[in-house]
Amino acid sequence: MKEQPLPSKIKSVWRLTAFLTTAVEIIIILGLVAAHQLWRWPLWLIWLGIILSIIGTAIDFTLIPYRYAFSHYQITSTAVYLKSGYIFRKEESIPITRIQNVTLEAGPLLQHWNLQKVNVETASTTHTIAGGTPETAEQLQNQILHLAKEARDDL
């Protein structure tokens, strides 16, 4: 199987997540303004919050196309390969024989866009394929579990 990209709908989930993060940051800034008014907290805390929020929001929204373009996965008979990033490249290979469980997960945002995460669990950690349609996610789950069972039977 060749490298598979994530579905393009995942970009909408990432955008909404960035928007919600910004909304929380604005609430925190409003809390700092209230603290300044009530208890005379330093004004520089408000400005620091505003600056960090603007920088964080700009980075989040700017990196969505980059994050999407360089996130791929591949499943072979020996391993599950996960790749992400170009500047900060991360390549993971999870040996099929080490896989203990594969779970599907979908929070409210993923459900809204009809997507699911695929969590590949080993004894020490969980690796995630960020999103796929429910049909694709279930197919991946079945394929990985089948390969893991075959690998254990061969031992």
N, C-alpha and C. Protein backbone atom coordinates (compact mmCIF):
# COMPACT_ATOMS: atom_id res chain seq x y z
N MET A 1 0.84 -1.18 0.00
CA MET A 1 0.00 0.00 0.00
C MET A 1 0.90 1.25 0.00
N LYS A 2 0.57 2.22 -0.84
CA LYS A 2 1.35 3.45 -0.91
C LYS A 2 0.94 4.41 0.19
N GLU A 3 1.72 5.48 0.36
CA GLU A 3 1.41 6.48 1.38
C GLU A 3 0.03 7.07 1.13
N GLN A 4 -0.75 7.19 2.20
CA GLN A 4 -2.09 7.73 2.11
C GLN A 4 -2.14 9.09 2.78
N PRO A 5 -2.75 10.08 2.11
CA PRO A 5 -2.93 11.38 2.77
C PRO A 5 -4.16 11.35 3.66
N LEU A 6 -4.27 12.32 4.52
CA LEU A 6 -5.47 12.46 5.34
C LEU A 6 -6.57 13.07 4.47
N PRO A 7 -7.84 12.86 4.82
CA PRO A 7 -8.91 13.49 4.03
C PRO A 7 -8.86 15.01 4.18
N SER A 8 -9.23 15.73 3.13
CA SER A 8 -9.13 17.20 3.17
C SER A 8 -10.06 17.83 4.20
N LYS A 9 -11.10 17.12 4.62
CA LYS A 9 -12.02 17.65 5.63
C LYS A 9 -11.33 17.87 6.97
N ILE A 10 -10.20 17.23 7.19
CA ILE A 10 -9.49 17.39 8.46
C ILE A 10 -9.01 18.83 8.63
N LYS A 11 -8.78 19.53 7.51
CA LYS A 11 -8.36 20.94 7.60
C LYS A 11 -9.45 21.79 8.25
N SER A 12 -10.71 21.49 7.99
CA SER A 12 -11.81 22.22 8.63
C SER A 12 -11.83 21.98 10.13
N VAL A 13 -11.55 20.76 10.54
CA VAL A 13 -11.49 20.44 11.97
C VAL A 13 -10.35 21.22 12.61
N TRP A 14 -9.20 21.26 11.97
CA TRP A 14 -8.06 21.98 12.52
C TRP A 14 -8.34 23.48 12.58
N ARG A 15 -9.03 24.04 11.55
CA ARG A 15 -9.38 25.46 11.57
C ARG A 15 -10.31 25.78 12.74
N LEU A 16 -11.33 24.95 12.93
CA LEU A 16 -12.28 25.20 14.01
C LEU A 16 -11.59 25.04 15.37
N THR A 17 -10.69 24.08 15.48
CA THR A 17 -9.93 23.91 16.73
C THR A 17 -9.09 25.16 17.01
N ALA A 18 -8.45 25.71 15.98
CA ALA A 18 -7.66 26.93 16.15
C ALA A 18 -8.56 28.10 16.54
N PHE A 19 -9.74 28.18 15.94
CA PHE A 19 -10.69 29.24 16.28
C PHE A 19 -11.13 29.12 17.74
N LEU A 20 -11.46 27.91 18.18
CA LEU A 20 -11.89 27.70 19.57
C LEU A 20 -10.76 28.02 20.55
N THR A 21 -9.54 27.67 20.18
CA THR A 21 -8.38 28.00 21.02
C THR A 21 -8.25 29.52 21.15
N THR A 22 -8.44 30.23 20.05
CA THR A 22 -8.39 31.69 20.08
C THR A 22 -9.50 32.25 20.96
N ALA A 23 -10.69 31.67 20.89
CA ALA A 23 -11.80 32.13 21.74
C ALA A 23 -11.46 31.97 23.22
N VAL A 24 -10.85 30.85 23.58
CA VAL A 24 -10.44 30.64 24.97
C VAL A 24 -9.38 31.66 25.37
N GLU A 25 -8.45 31.95 24.47
CA GLU A 25 -7.42 32.95 24.77
C GLU A 25 -8.04 34.33 24.99
N ILE A 26 -9.07 34.67 24.21
CA ILE A 26 -9.75 35.95 24.38
C ILE A 26 -10.44 36.01 25.75
N ILE A 27 -11.04 34.91 26.16
CA ILE A 27 -11.67 34.86 27.49
C ILE A 27 -10.63 35.06 28.58
N ILE A 28 -9.47 34.46 28.42
CA ILE A 28 -8.38 34.64 29.40
C ILE A 28 -7.94 36.11 29.43
N ILE A 29 -7.82 36.73 28.26
CA ILE A 29 -7.42 38.14 28.20
C ILE A 29 -8.48 39.01 28.89
N LEU A 30 -9.76 38.71 28.67
CA LEU A 30 -10.82 39.46 29.36
C LEU A 30 -10.73 39.26 30.87
N GLY A 31 -10.34 38.07 31.30
CA GLY A 31 -10.12 37.82 32.73
C GLY A 31 -8.97 38.66 33.26
N LEU A 32 -7.92 38.82 32.47
CA LEU A 32 -6.80 39.67 32.87
C LEU A 32 -7.21 41.14 32.96
N VAL A 33 -8.07 41.56 32.02
CA VAL A 33 -8.58 42.94 32.07
C VAL A 33 -9.39 43.14 33.35
N ALA A 34 -10.24 42.17 33.68
CA ALA A 34 -11.04 42.27 34.91
C ALA A 34 -10.14 42.28 36.14
N ALA A 35 -9.11 41.44 36.15
CA ALA A 35 -8.17 41.40 37.28
C ALA A 35 -7.43 42.74 37.41
N HIS A 36 -7.13 43.36 36.27
CA HIS A 36 -6.48 44.67 36.29
C HIS A 36 -7.41 45.71 36.92
N GLN A 37 -8.68 45.66 36.52
CA GLN A 37 -9.65 46.63 37.04
C GLN A 37 -9.94 46.42 38.53
N LEU A 38 -10.07 45.16 38.92
CA LEU A 38 -10.46 44.86 40.31
C LEU A 38 -9.29 44.92 41.28
N TRP A 39 -8.16 44.34 40.89
CA TRP A 39 -7.05 44.18 41.83
C TRP A 39 -5.78 44.89 41.39
N ARG A 40 -5.87 45.69 40.35
CA ARG A 40 -4.73 46.44 39.85
C ARG A 40 -3.55 45.55 39.43
N TRP A 41 -3.89 44.44 38.79
CA TRP A 41 -2.83 43.62 38.21
C TRP A 41 -2.09 44.45 37.18
N PRO A 42 -0.83 44.14 36.91
CA PRO A 42 -0.05 44.94 35.95
C PRO A 42 -0.67 44.93 34.55
N LEU A 43 -0.63 46.06 33.91
CA LEU A 43 -1.18 46.22 32.56
C LEU A 43 -0.39 45.39 31.54
N TRP A 44 0.90 45.19 31.80
CA TRP A 44 1.72 44.43 30.84
C TRP A 44 1.23 43.00 30.68
N LEU A 45 0.55 42.44 31.69
CA LEU A 45 0.00 41.07 31.56
C LEU A 45 -1.05 41.00 30.45
N ILE A 46 -1.86 42.04 30.36
CA ILE A 46 -2.88 42.09 29.31
C ILE A 46 -2.21 42.14 27.94
N TRP A 47 -1.22 43.04 27.81
CA TRP A 47 -0.53 43.17 26.53
C TRP A 47 0.22 41.89 26.15
N LEU A 48 0.81 41.25 27.13
CA LEU A 48 1.49 39.98 26.87
C LEU A 48 0.49 38.93 26.38
N GLY A 49 -0.66 38.86 27.03
CA GLY A 49 -1.71 37.92 26.59
C GLY A 49 -2.17 38.20 25.18
N ILE A 50 -2.36 39.48 24.86
CA ILE A 50 -2.81 39.86 23.51
C ILE A 50 -1.76 39.47 22.47
N ILE A 51 -0.51 39.80 22.74
CA ILE A 51 0.57 39.50 21.79
C ILE A 51 0.72 38.00 21.59
N LEU A 52 0.73 37.24 22.68
CA LEU A 52 0.86 35.78 22.56
C LEU A 52 -0.33 35.18 21.83
N SER A 53 -1.51 35.70 22.07
CA SER A 53 -2.71 35.20 21.40
C SER A 53 -2.65 35.46 19.90
N ILE A 54 -2.23 36.66 19.52
CA ILE A 54 -2.13 36.99 18.09
C ILE A 54 -1.09 36.10 17.41
N ILE A 55 0.06 35.95 18.04
CA ILE A 55 1.12 35.11 17.45
C ILE A 55 0.66 33.66 17.35
N GLY A 56 0.06 33.14 18.44
CA GLY A 56 -0.41 31.75 18.42
C GLY A 56 -1.48 31.50 17.37
N THR A 57 -2.41 32.43 17.25
CA THR A 57 -3.48 32.29 16.26
C THR A 57 -2.91 32.32 14.85
N ALA A 58 -2.00 33.26 14.59
CA ALA A 58 -1.38 33.35 13.26
C ALA A 58 -0.63 32.07 12.91
N ILE A 59 0.10 31.54 13.87
CA ILE A 59 0.85 30.30 13.63
C ILE A 59 -0.11 29.14 13.38
N ASP A 60 -1.15 29.02 14.22
CA ASP A 60 -2.11 27.92 14.06
C ASP A 60 -2.74 27.93 12.66
N PHE A 61 -3.25 29.08 12.23
CA PHE A 61 -3.93 29.15 10.94
C PHE A 61 -2.97 29.03 9.77
N THR A 62 -1.77 29.56 9.91
CA THR A 62 -0.78 29.50 8.83
C THR A 62 -0.28 28.08 8.60
N LEU A 63 -0.16 27.31 9.66
CA LEU A 63 0.42 25.97 9.53
C LEU A 63 -0.57 24.88 9.13
N ILE A 64 -1.84 25.19 9.03
CA ILE A 64 -2.82 24.16 8.65
C ILE A 64 -2.52 23.55 7.27
N PRO A 65 -2.30 24.35 6.22
CA PRO A 65 -1.98 23.73 4.92
C PRO A 65 -0.67 22.93 4.96
N TYR A 66 0.33 23.46 5.68
CA TYR A 66 1.61 22.76 5.84
C TYR A 66 1.39 21.42 6.54
N ARG A 67 0.65 21.45 7.64
CA ARG A 67 0.38 20.25 8.42
C ARG A 67 -0.34 19.20 7.57
N TYR A 68 -1.30 19.66 6.77
CA TYR A 68 -2.04 18.74 5.92
C TYR A 68 -1.16 18.15 4.81
N ALA A 69 -0.37 19.01 4.18
CA ALA A 69 0.44 18.57 3.04
C ALA A 69 1.48 17.51 3.41
N PHE A 70 1.92 17.54 4.67
CA PHE A 70 3.01 16.64 5.05
C PHE A 70 2.60 15.58 6.07
N SER A 71 1.31 15.29 6.17
CA SER A 71 0.84 14.22 7.06
C SER A 71 0.36 13.05 6.21
N HIS A 72 1.04 11.92 6.37
CA HIS A 72 0.72 10.72 5.60
C HIS A 72 0.83 9.49 6.49
N TYR A 73 0.20 8.42 6.05
CA TYR A 73 0.36 7.14 6.73
C TYR A 73 0.45 6.05 5.68
N GLN A 74 1.04 4.93 6.08
CA GLN A 74 1.18 3.78 5.19
C GLN A 74 1.13 2.52 6.05
N ILE A 75 0.44 1.52 5.55
CA ILE A 75 0.35 0.25 6.26
C ILE A 75 0.93 -0.83 5.36
N THR A 76 1.91 -1.56 5.91
CA THR A 76 2.48 -2.69 5.20
C THR A 76 2.29 -3.94 6.06
N SER A 77 2.73 -5.05 5.57
CA SER A 77 2.59 -6.30 6.33
C SER A 77 3.51 -6.35 7.54
N THR A 78 4.49 -5.44 7.60
CA THR A 78 5.43 -5.46 8.72
C THR A 78 5.28 -4.29 9.70
N ALA A 79 4.70 -3.17 9.24
CA ALA A 79 4.64 -1.99 10.12
C ALA A 79 3.58 -0.99 9.66
N VAL A 80 3.22 -0.12 10.58
CA VAL A 80 2.40 1.05 10.27
C VAL A 80 3.35 2.24 10.31
N TYR A 81 3.40 3.00 9.21
CA TYR A 81 4.30 4.14 9.11
C TYR A 81 3.49 5.43 9.17
N LEU A 82 3.91 6.35 10.02
CA LEU A 82 3.27 7.65 10.14
C LEU A 82 4.32 8.72 9.86
N LYS A 83 4.00 9.66 8.98
CA LYS A 83 4.93 10.72 8.63
C LYS A 83 4.22 12.06 8.79
N SER A 84 4.95 13.03 9.34
CA SER A 84 4.40 14.38 9.44
C SER A 84 5.54 15.38 9.42
N GLY A 85 5.24 16.57 8.93
CA GLY A 85 6.19 17.66 8.95
C GLY A 85 7.20 17.63 7.82
N TYR A 86 7.73 18.80 7.53
CA TYR A 86 8.80 18.93 6.56
C TYR A 86 10.02 19.56 7.23
N ILE A 87 9.80 20.69 7.86
CA ILE A 87 10.91 21.33 8.58
C ILE A 87 11.22 20.53 9.84
N PHE A 88 10.17 20.27 10.62
CA PHE A 88 10.30 19.43 11.81
C PHE A 88 9.72 18.07 11.47
N ARG A 89 10.48 17.28 10.78
CA ARG A 89 10.02 16.00 10.25
C ARG A 89 9.93 14.95 11.35
N LYS A 90 8.84 14.21 11.32
CA LYS A 90 8.66 13.11 12.27
C LYS A 90 8.20 11.89 11.48
N GLU A 91 8.96 10.83 11.59
CA GLU A 91 8.61 9.57 10.93
C GLU A 91 8.59 8.48 11.98
N GLU A 92 7.45 7.84 12.11
CA GLU A 92 7.29 6.76 13.09
C GLU A 92 6.99 5.47 12.35
N SER A 93 7.56 4.40 12.82
CA SER A 93 7.18 3.08 12.31
C SER A 93 6.82 2.21 13.51
N ILE A 94 5.63 1.67 13.44
CA ILE A 94 5.13 0.84 14.53
C ILE A 94 5.11 -0.60 14.01
N PRO A 95 5.99 -1.46 14.52
CA PRO A 95 5.99 -2.85 14.06
C PRO A 95 4.64 -3.51 14.32
N ILE A 96 4.17 -4.23 13.34
CA ILE A 96 2.87 -4.91 13.46
C ILE A 96 2.86 -5.84 14.66
N THR A 97 3.99 -6.47 14.95
CA THR A 97 4.03 -7.43 16.07
C THR A 97 3.87 -6.75 17.42
N ARG A 98 4.11 -5.45 17.51
CA ARG A 98 4.01 -4.71 18.77
C ARG A 98 2.60 -4.15 19.02
N ILE A 99 1.76 -4.16 18.01
CA ILE A 99 0.43 -3.56 18.14
C ILE A 99 -0.46 -4.45 19.00
N GLN A 100 -1.07 -3.83 20.01
CA GLN A 100 -1.95 -4.56 20.91
C GLN A 100 -3.42 -4.26 20.67
N ASN A 101 -3.72 -3.04 20.23
CA ASN A 101 -5.11 -2.66 20.07
C ASN A 101 -5.20 -1.52 19.06
N VAL A 102 -6.33 -1.45 18.37
CA VAL A 102 -6.61 -0.36 17.46
C VAL A 102 -8.00 0.15 17.79
N THR A 103 -8.09 1.42 18.17
CA THR A 103 -9.40 1.97 18.53
C THR A 103 -9.73 3.15 17.62
N LEU A 104 -11.02 3.37 17.46
CA LEU A 104 -11.52 4.49 16.68
C LEU A 104 -12.10 5.52 17.64
N GLU A 105 -11.87 6.78 17.36
CA GLU A 105 -12.29 7.84 18.28
C GLU A 105 -12.82 9.01 17.45
N ALA A 106 -13.90 9.62 17.92
CA ALA A 106 -14.44 10.79 17.23
C ALA A 106 -15.11 11.70 18.25
N GLY A 107 -14.50 12.85 18.50
CA GLY A 107 -15.11 13.84 19.36
C GLY A 107 -16.16 14.62 18.57
N PRO A 108 -16.74 15.64 19.18
CA PRO A 108 -17.81 16.39 18.51
C PRO A 108 -17.38 17.03 17.18
N LEU A 109 -16.18 17.57 17.11
CA LEU A 109 -15.75 18.21 15.86
C LEU A 109 -15.56 17.18 14.75
N LEU A 110 -14.91 16.08 15.07
CA LEU A 110 -14.72 15.03 14.07
C LEU A 110 -16.07 14.45 13.63
N GLN A 111 -16.98 14.26 14.57
CA GLN A 111 -18.30 13.74 14.23
C GLN A 111 -19.04 14.68 13.28
N HIS A 112 -18.92 15.98 13.54
CA HIS A 112 -19.60 16.96 12.68
C HIS A 112 -19.15 16.83 11.22
N TRP A 113 -17.88 16.58 11.00
CA TRP A 113 -17.36 16.42 9.64
C TRP A 113 -17.28 14.95 9.22
N ASN A 114 -17.92 14.08 9.97
CA ASN A 114 -17.98 12.65 9.63
C ASN A 114 -16.58 12.05 9.47
N LEU A 115 -15.74 12.27 10.50
CA LEU A 115 -14.37 11.74 10.52
C LEU A 115 -14.13 11.00 11.82
N GLN A 116 -13.10 10.15 11.83
CA GLN A 116 -12.69 9.43 13.03
C GLN A 116 -11.17 9.36 13.09
N LYS A 117 -10.64 9.37 14.32
CA LYS A 117 -9.22 9.12 14.54
C LYS A 117 -9.02 7.62 14.67
N VAL A 118 -7.87 7.16 14.22
CA VAL A 118 -7.49 5.76 14.40
C VAL A 118 -6.30 5.75 15.36
N ASN A 119 -6.50 5.17 16.55
CA ASN A 119 -5.44 5.08 17.56
C ASN A 119 -4.83 3.69 17.51
N VAL A 120 -3.54 3.63 17.22
CA VAL A 120 -2.80 2.37 17.17
C VAL A 120 -2.03 2.28 18.48
N GLU A 121 -2.40 1.31 19.30
CA GLU A 121 -1.85 1.20 20.65
C GLU A 121 -0.84 0.07 20.76
N THR A 122 0.30 0.41 21.38
CA THR A 122 1.30 -0.60 21.72
C THR A 122 1.38 -0.65 23.24
N ALA A 123 2.27 -1.45 23.77
CA ALA A 123 2.39 -1.56 25.23
C ALA A 123 2.81 -0.24 25.86
N SER A 124 3.59 0.55 25.14
CA SER A 124 4.14 1.76 25.75
C SER A 124 3.45 3.06 25.35
N THR A 125 2.81 3.10 24.19
CA THR A 125 2.27 4.38 23.72
C THR A 125 1.12 4.19 22.74
N THR A 126 0.49 5.30 22.39
CA THR A 126 -0.58 5.30 21.39
C THR A 126 -0.17 6.23 20.26
N HIS A 127 -0.28 5.76 19.04
CA HIS A 127 0.02 6.55 17.85
C HIS A 127 -1.31 6.82 17.15
N THR A 128 -1.44 8.02 16.56
CA THR A 128 -2.73 8.41 16.01
C THR A 128 -2.63 8.76 14.54
N ILE A 129 -3.57 8.22 13.76
CA ILE A 129 -3.82 8.67 12.39
C ILE A 129 -4.94 9.69 12.55
N ALA A 130 -4.66 10.96 12.24
CA ALA A 130 -5.49 12.09 12.66
C ALA A 130 -6.95 12.02 12.25
N GLY A 131 -7.27 11.52 11.10
CA GLY A 131 -8.67 11.48 10.71
C GLY A 131 -8.90 10.72 9.43
N GLY A 132 -10.05 10.10 9.36
CA GLY A 132 -10.47 9.39 8.16
C GLY A 132 -11.97 9.23 8.20
N THR A 133 -12.56 8.93 7.07
CA THR A 133 -13.99 8.69 7.07
C THR A 133 -14.26 7.45 7.92
N PRO A 134 -15.46 7.31 8.46
CA PRO A 134 -15.74 6.11 9.28
C PRO A 134 -15.47 4.80 8.53
N GLU A 135 -15.77 4.78 7.24
CA GLU A 135 -15.53 3.56 6.46
C GLU A 135 -14.03 3.28 6.35
N THR A 136 -13.26 4.31 6.06
CA THR A 136 -11.80 4.15 5.95
C THR A 136 -11.20 3.78 7.30
N ALA A 137 -11.66 4.44 8.36
CA ALA A 137 -11.13 4.16 9.70
C ALA A 137 -11.42 2.71 10.10
N GLU A 138 -12.62 2.25 9.83
CA GLU A 138 -12.96 0.86 10.17
C GLU A 138 -12.14 -0.11 9.33
N GLN A 139 -11.94 0.22 8.07
CA GLN A 139 -11.12 -0.63 7.20
C GLN A 139 -9.68 -0.68 7.72
N LEU A 140 -9.13 0.46 8.12
CA LEU A 140 -7.77 0.50 8.68
C LEU A 140 -7.69 -0.33 9.95
N GLN A 141 -8.69 -0.17 10.82
CA GLN A 141 -8.72 -0.93 12.07
C GLN A 141 -8.70 -2.43 11.78
N ASN A 142 -9.58 -2.87 10.89
CA ASN A 142 -9.64 -4.30 10.56
C ASN A 142 -8.35 -4.79 9.92
N GLN A 143 -7.79 -3.98 9.01
CA GLN A 143 -6.56 -4.38 8.32
C GLN A 143 -5.40 -4.50 9.31
N ILE A 144 -5.24 -3.53 10.19
CA ILE A 144 -4.13 -3.55 11.15
C ILE A 144 -4.30 -4.71 12.13
N LEU A 145 -5.51 -4.90 12.63
CA LEU A 145 -5.74 -6.00 13.57
C LEU A 145 -5.52 -7.35 12.90
N HIS A 146 -5.93 -7.48 11.65
CA HIS A 146 -5.72 -8.73 10.91
C HIS A 146 -4.22 -9.00 10.72
N LEU A 147 -3.48 -7.96 10.34
CA LEU A 147 -2.03 -8.12 10.17
C LEU A 147 -1.35 -8.46 11.49
N ALA A 148 -1.80 -7.83 12.58
CA ALA A 148 -1.22 -8.12 13.90
C ALA A 148 -1.50 -9.56 14.32
N LYS A 149 -2.72 -10.03 14.05
CA LYS A 149 -3.07 -11.42 14.39
C LYS A 149 -2.21 -12.39 13.58
N GLU A 150 -2.08 -12.12 12.29
CA GLU A 150 -1.23 -12.97 11.44
C GLU A 150 0.21 -13.00 11.93
N ALA A 151 0.73 -11.84 12.30
CA ALA A 151 2.12 -11.75 12.78
C ALA A 151 2.30 -12.55 14.06
N ARG A 152 1.32 -12.51 14.94
CA ARG A 152 1.42 -13.27 16.19
C ARG A 152 1.30 -14.77 15.95
N ASP A 153 0.47 -15.14 14.99
CA ASP A 153 0.32 -16.56 14.65
C ASP A 153 1.60 -17.14 14.07
N ASP A 154 2.38 -16.29 13.37
CA ASP A 154 3.62 -16.73 12.75
C ASP A 154 4.74 -16.94 13.78
N LEU A 155 4.61 -16.32 14.96
CA LEU A 155 5.68 -16.42 15.95
C LEU A 155 5.70 -17.74 16.65
